[in-house]
């Protein structure tokens, strides 16, 4: 496994994360009209045929960019699509702030309009909430579900508690992630980010988990503070077909900092027969 703190490793991750909308050896950008807005996705260029697409769903105030190191690793065995939700990354946004169900509706519409349904969904942080809502209400569109560092733990359902958890885990994150996060925040805008945060805090994800019919893998980083072990275990227990795995030496943003470790856990789950 490459050293995530190595300078060459950080440069390589930054390059794959920030290439859009220009194509590179592995990915190209695509825009799909969803309810009158152009949604951007970063898609693997030479996907194998006959394999279910894997759609990566980003978290709060970020975009496809920080998901791309993981996407690059997973694209060798399946079509990978990292979609920017409305108002984030390179996607056009609705004037109003969308809550979690509305974001899930847009994701479902994008899956159908882009020809990627049914798909496997991998959501990180707030993206896990969006993925859960989509899987619960649109089961025909979702084959499997991977929830990476899922939010919102009911025991910490406030801006202050969530921010403190994130700050406690910050020293473990790859420093190369910071400029990418700042760029994503500039794209989304502080107002949209804060309002979306408030909507995510109001989302009762724990009530939706029992309605998810798809096989689901819950992961948390060994050293993360946002998704506690207790909460991750509860998420896996509430899912009818849930299981839990811990990503070794990982913080909250495993998709970027410890992408190899997360991929090593995710691939066997996705390749397993859903039956």
Protein backbone atom coordinates (compact mmCIF):
# COMPACT_ATOMS: atom_id res chain seq x y z
CA UNK A 1 0.00 0.00 0.00
CA UNK A 2 1.51 3.41 -0.98
CA UNK A 3 2.44 5.77 1.83
CA UNK A 4 -0.36 8.40 1.80
CA UNK A 5 2.02 11.01 3.22
CA UNK A 6 4.58 10.56 0.46
CA UNK A 7 4.99 13.72 -1.65
CA UNK A 8 4.76 11.84 -4.95
CA UNK A 9 1.63 10.06 -3.76
CA UNK A 10 0.02 13.36 -2.79
CA UNK A 11 0.87 14.89 -6.18
CA UNK A 12 -0.62 11.91 -7.99
CA UNK A 13 -3.82 12.14 -5.95
CA UNK A 14 -4.09 15.86 -6.56
CA UNK A 15 -3.66 15.36 -10.29
CA UNK A 16 -6.44 12.78 -10.62
CA UNK A 17 -8.69 14.80 -8.28
CA UNK A 18 -8.43 18.13 -10.09
CA UNK A 19 -8.25 17.15 -13.76
CA UNK A 20 -11.93 17.73 -14.63
CA UNK A 21 -13.33 18.80 -16.98
CA UNK A 22 -10.32 17.76 -19.07
CA UNK A 23 -10.01 14.04 -19.83
CA UNK A 24 -7.09 11.97 -18.59
CA UNK A 25 -6.01 8.38 -19.15
CA UNK A 26 -8.77 6.98 -16.94
CA UNK A 27 -11.65 9.47 -16.77
CA UNK A 28 -13.63 11.99 -18.75
CA UNK A 29 -16.36 14.47 -17.83
CA UNK A 30 -20.00 14.21 -18.87
CA UNK A 31 -23.01 16.44 -18.31
CA UNK A 32 -26.58 15.13 -18.01
CA UNK A 33 -29.74 17.24 -17.95
CA UNK A 34 -31.72 16.60 -14.76
CA UNK A 35 -34.82 18.75 -14.21
CA UNK A 36 -33.37 21.52 -16.32
CA UNK A 37 -29.93 21.56 -14.65
CA UNK A 38 -26.71 20.16 -16.09
CA UNK A 39 -25.22 17.67 -13.64
CA UNK A 40 -21.54 16.83 -14.03
CA UNK A 41 -20.07 13.38 -13.57
CA UNK A 42 -16.55 12.07 -13.88
CA UNK A 43 -16.72 8.71 -15.67
CA UNK A 44 -14.21 5.96 -16.38
CA UNK A 45 -13.31 5.92 -20.06
CA UNK A 46 -12.85 2.23 -20.86
CA UNK A 47 -15.18 0.34 -18.51
CA UNK A 48 -15.53 -3.43 -18.71
CA UNK A 49 -18.76 -4.61 -20.31
CA UNK A 50 -21.52 -6.36 -18.40
CA UNK A 51 -20.51 -5.03 -14.97
CA UNK A 52 -22.81 -2.95 -12.76
CA UNK A 53 -21.72 0.71 -12.64
CA UNK A 54 -20.43 2.05 -9.34
CA UNK A 55 -21.62 5.58 -8.56
CA UNK A 56 -19.64 7.60 -6.01
CA UNK A 57 -21.67 10.14 -4.01
CA UNK A 58 -19.77 12.95 -2.30
CA UNK A 59 -20.30 14.44 1.13
CA UNK A 60 -21.04 17.92 2.45
CA UNK A 61 -19.69 20.96 0.54
CA UNK A 62 -17.34 18.81 -1.55
CA UNK A 63 -17.52 17.20 -4.99
CA UNK A 64 -16.29 14.37 -7.19
CA UNK A 65 -12.71 15.59 -6.71
CA UNK A 66 -11.83 13.97 -3.37
CA UNK A 67 -13.46 10.71 -4.51
CA UNK A 68 -11.22 10.30 -7.54
CA UNK A 69 -8.24 8.51 -5.89
CA UNK A 70 -10.66 5.76 -4.83
CA UNK A 71 -12.42 5.90 -8.19
CA UNK A 72 -9.15 5.35 -10.03
CA UNK A 73 -8.46 2.20 -8.03
CA UNK A 74 -11.96 0.79 -8.51
CA UNK A 75 -12.20 1.62 -12.23
CA UNK A 76 -10.02 -1.34 -13.23
CA UNK A 77 -12.86 -3.76 -12.54
CA UNK A 78 -16.08 -1.82 -13.14
CA UNK A 79 -17.55 1.36 -14.65
CA UNK A 80 -17.04 4.18 -12.13
CA UNK A 81 -19.05 7.39 -12.12
CA UNK A 82 -18.44 10.17 -9.58
CA UNK A 83 -21.40 12.54 -9.77
CA UNK A 84 -21.58 16.14 -8.54
CA UNK A 85 -24.90 16.73 -6.81
CA UNK A 86 -26.79 19.93 -7.79
CA UNK A 87 -24.89 23.05 -6.75
CA UNK A 88 -21.64 21.24 -5.99
CA UNK A 89 -18.47 20.76 -8.01
CA UNK A 90 -19.11 21.40 -11.70
CA UNK A 91 -22.87 20.83 -11.57
CA UNK A 92 -25.45 23.56 -11.92
CA UNK A 93 -27.48 24.15 -8.78
CA UNK A 94 -31.08 24.74 -7.88
CA UNK A 95 -31.88 28.18 -6.48
CA UNK A 96 -33.25 26.69 -3.29
CA UNK A 97 -31.29 24.53 -0.88
CA UNK A 98 -32.12 20.86 -1.39
CA UNK A 99 -32.67 18.59 1.60
CA UNK A 100 -31.53 14.97 1.65
CA UNK A 101 -34.68 13.51 0.00
CA UNK A 102 -34.51 16.13 -2.75
CA UNK A 103 -30.84 15.36 -3.38
CA UNK A 104 -31.73 11.65 -3.51
CA UNK A 105 -34.48 12.43 -6.02
CA UNK A 106 -31.95 14.23 -8.24
CA UNK A 107 -29.55 11.31 -7.89
CA UNK A 108 -32.28 8.87 -8.92
CA UNK A 109 -33.22 11.05 -11.89
CA UNK A 110 -29.56 11.22 -12.90
CA UNK A 111 -29.17 7.43 -12.66
CA UNK A 112 -32.06 6.98 -15.09
CA UNK A 113 -31.20 9.86 -17.44
CA UNK A 114 -27.51 8.89 -17.69
CA UNK A 115 -28.23 5.22 -18.33
CA UNK A 116 -26.45 4.05 -15.17
CA UNK A 117 -29.38 2.30 -13.49
CA UNK A 118 -29.32 -0.06 -11.75
CA UNK A 119 -26.07 0.83 -10.01
CA UNK A 120 -24.02 0.19 -6.92
CA UNK A 121 -23.84 3.33 -4.76
CA UNK A 122 -20.90 4.35 -2.58
CA UNK A 123 -21.66 7.37 -0.42
CA UNK A 124 -19.29 9.12 1.96
CA UNK A 125 -20.43 11.10 5.01
CA UNK A 126 -23.55 13.11 4.03
CA UNK A 127 -23.34 11.31 0.69
CA UNK A 128 -24.13 8.14 2.63
CA UNK A 129 -27.38 9.76 3.80
CA UNK A 130 -28.29 10.58 0.19
CA UNK A 131 -27.44 7.04 -0.89
CA UNK A 132 -29.57 5.53 1.90
CA UNK A 133 -32.56 7.69 0.98
CA UNK A 134 -32.22 6.75 -2.70
CA UNK A 135 -31.86 3.04 -1.92
CA UNK A 136 -34.88 3.09 0.42
CA UNK A 137 -37.22 4.87 -1.99
CA UNK A 138 -35.86 3.68 -5.35
CA UNK A 139 -34.87 0.04 -4.71
CA UNK A 140 -35.08 -0.80 -8.41
CA UNK A 141 -32.18 1.59 -9.07
CA UNK A 142 -29.73 0.29 -6.44
CA UNK A 143 -28.07 -3.15 -6.47
CA UNK A 144 -25.61 -2.69 -3.57
CA UNK A 145 -24.75 0.05 -1.12
CA UNK A 146 -21.44 1.09 0.48
CA UNK A 147 -21.65 3.66 3.29
CA UNK A 148 -18.26 5.19 4.11
CA UNK A 149 -18.12 7.09 7.42
CA UNK A 150 -21.92 7.58 7.47
CA UNK A 151 -23.59 10.54 9.19
CA UNK A 152 -25.61 11.70 11.21
CA UNK A 153 -25.09 10.01 14.53
CA UNK A 154 -28.20 10.88 16.60
CA UNK A 155 -25.95 11.31 19.66
CA UNK A 156 -24.16 14.18 17.93
CA UNK A 157 -26.93 15.78 15.88
CA UNK A 158 -25.83 19.40 16.05
CA UNK A 159 -23.47 21.60 14.06
CA UNK A 160 -21.21 22.07 17.06
CA UNK A 161 -20.85 18.37 17.87
CA UNK A 162 -20.33 17.38 14.26
CA UNK A 163 -17.74 20.13 13.75
CA UNK A 164 -15.87 19.08 16.91
CA UNK A 165 -15.81 15.46 15.78
CA UNK A 166 -14.45 16.49 12.37
CA UNK A 167 -11.81 18.71 13.94
CA UNK A 168 -10.64 15.89 16.24
CA UNK A 169 -9.96 13.73 13.22
CA UNK A 170 -8.41 16.47 11.09
CA UNK A 171 -4.76 15.77 12.08
CA UNK A 172 -5.11 12.28 10.56
CA UNK A 173 -6.26 13.58 7.16
CA UNK A 174 -3.89 13.89 4.22
CA UNK A 175 -2.72 17.54 4.02
CA UNK A 176 -3.09 17.35 0.24
CA UNK A 177 -6.84 17.23 0.76
CA UNK A 178 -7.04 20.81 2.07
CA UNK A 179 -6.68 22.72 -1.24
CA UNK A 180 -9.22 20.39 -2.83
CA UNK A 181 -11.73 20.99 -0.03
CA UNK A 182 -11.24 24.76 -0.32
CA UNK A 183 -11.82 24.62 -4.07
CA UNK A 184 -14.98 22.57 -3.55
CA UNK A 185 -16.25 24.99 -0.93
CA UNK A 186 -15.65 27.90 -3.31
CA UNK A 187 -17.69 26.11 -5.99
CA UNK A 188 -20.60 25.37 -3.65
CA UNK A 189 -20.53 28.63 -1.73
CA UNK A 190 -20.60 28.99 2.03
CA UNK A 191 -24.34 29.71 2.18
CA UNK A 192 -25.29 26.55 0.28
CA UNK A 193 -22.84 24.50 2.35
CA UNK A 194 -24.23 25.70 5.69
CA UNK A 195 -27.86 25.32 4.63
CA UNK A 196 -27.20 21.80 3.31
CA UNK A 197 -25.49 20.96 6.59
CA UNK A 198 -28.62 22.04 8.47
CA UNK A 199 -30.82 19.91 6.23
CA UNK A 200 -28.54 16.90 6.73
CA UNK A 201 -28.80 17.32 10.50
CA UNK A 202 -32.60 17.16 10.20
CA UNK A 203 -32.50 13.95 8.17
CA UNK A 204 -33.61 10.94 10.29
CA UNK A 205 -31.37 8.45 8.52
CA UNK A 206 -31.75 5.89 11.33
CA UNK A 207 -35.45 5.59 10.47
CA UNK A 208 -34.71 4.88 6.81
CA UNK A 209 -32.07 2.19 7.24
CA UNK A 210 -34.54 -0.66 7.92
CA UNK A 211 -36.21 0.09 4.55
CA UNK A 212 -33.04 -0.51 2.52
CA UNK A 213 -33.39 -3.87 0.77
CA UNK A 214 -30.01 -3.88 -0.98
CA UNK A 215 -26.96 -5.59 0.54
CA UNK A 216 -24.99 -2.89 2.33
CA UNK A 217 -21.43 -2.50 3.57
CA UNK A 218 -20.78 0.07 6.32
CA UNK A 219 -17.19 1.24 6.79
CA UNK A 220 -15.52 3.60 9.20
CA UNK A 221 -11.93 4.69 9.51
CA UNK A 222 -9.96 3.19 12.38
CA UNK A 223 -8.95 6.68 13.53
CA UNK A 224 -11.99 8.70 12.54
CA UNK A 225 -14.16 10.65 14.97
CA UNK A 226 -17.17 11.59 12.82
CA UNK A 227 -18.65 8.08 12.58
CA UNK A 228 -18.02 6.43 15.93
CA UNK A 229 -17.70 2.66 16.24
CA UNK A 230 -20.95 2.60 18.20
CA UNK A 231 -22.83 4.50 15.47
CA UNK A 232 -21.31 2.43 12.66
CA UNK A 233 -22.38 -0.76 14.43
CA UNK A 234 -25.88 0.64 14.84
CA UNK A 235 -26.09 1.53 11.14
CA UNK A 236 -25.04 -1.99 10.14
CA UNK A 237 -27.52 -3.52 12.61
CA UNK A 238 -30.44 -1.43 11.35
CA UNK A 239 -29.80 -2.40 7.75
CA UNK A 240 -31.63 -5.66 6.89
CA UNK A 241 -28.59 -6.90 4.96
CA UNK A 242 -25.83 -4.84 6.53
CA UNK A 243 -22.26 -5.65 7.50
CA UNK A 244 -19.47 -3.59 9.04
CA UNK A 245 -15.78 -3.21 8.23
CA UNK A 246 -13.07 -0.92 9.64
CA UNK A 247 -10.53 0.67 7.28
CA UNK A 248 -7.10 0.31 8.93
CA UNK A 249 -5.18 3.50 9.81
CA UNK A 250 -7.90 5.60 8.22
CA UNK A 251 -9.49 8.96 9.11
CA UNK A 252 -12.97 10.09 8.01
CA UNK A 253 -12.07 10.82 4.38
CA UNK A 254 -10.93 7.31 3.52
CA UNK A 255 -11.80 7.87 -0.15
CA UNK A 256 -8.78 10.19 -0.41
CA UNK A 257 -6.35 9.57 2.46
CA UNK A 258 -6.50 5.76 2.57
CA UNK A 259 -8.06 4.92 -0.79
CA UNK A 260 -6.10 1.65 -1.15
CA UNK A 261 -7.31 0.35 2.20
CA UNK A 262 -10.92 1.25 1.43
CA UNK A 263 -10.69 -0.31 -2.04
CA UNK A 264 -9.34 -3.55 -0.56
CA UNK A 265 -12.49 -3.81 1.57
CA UNK A 266 -14.95 -2.58 -1.04
CA UNK A 267 -13.99 -4.72 -4.05
CA UNK A 268 -14.72 -8.15 -2.51
CA UNK A 269 -18.10 -6.88 -1.30
CA UNK A 270 -19.05 -5.52 -4.73
CA UNK A 271 -17.86 -8.66 -6.51
CA UNK A 272 -19.82 -10.98 -4.26
CA UNK A 273 -23.06 -12.46 -5.62
CA UNK A 274 -25.90 -10.28 -4.23
CA UNK A 275 -27.99 -13.41 -3.60
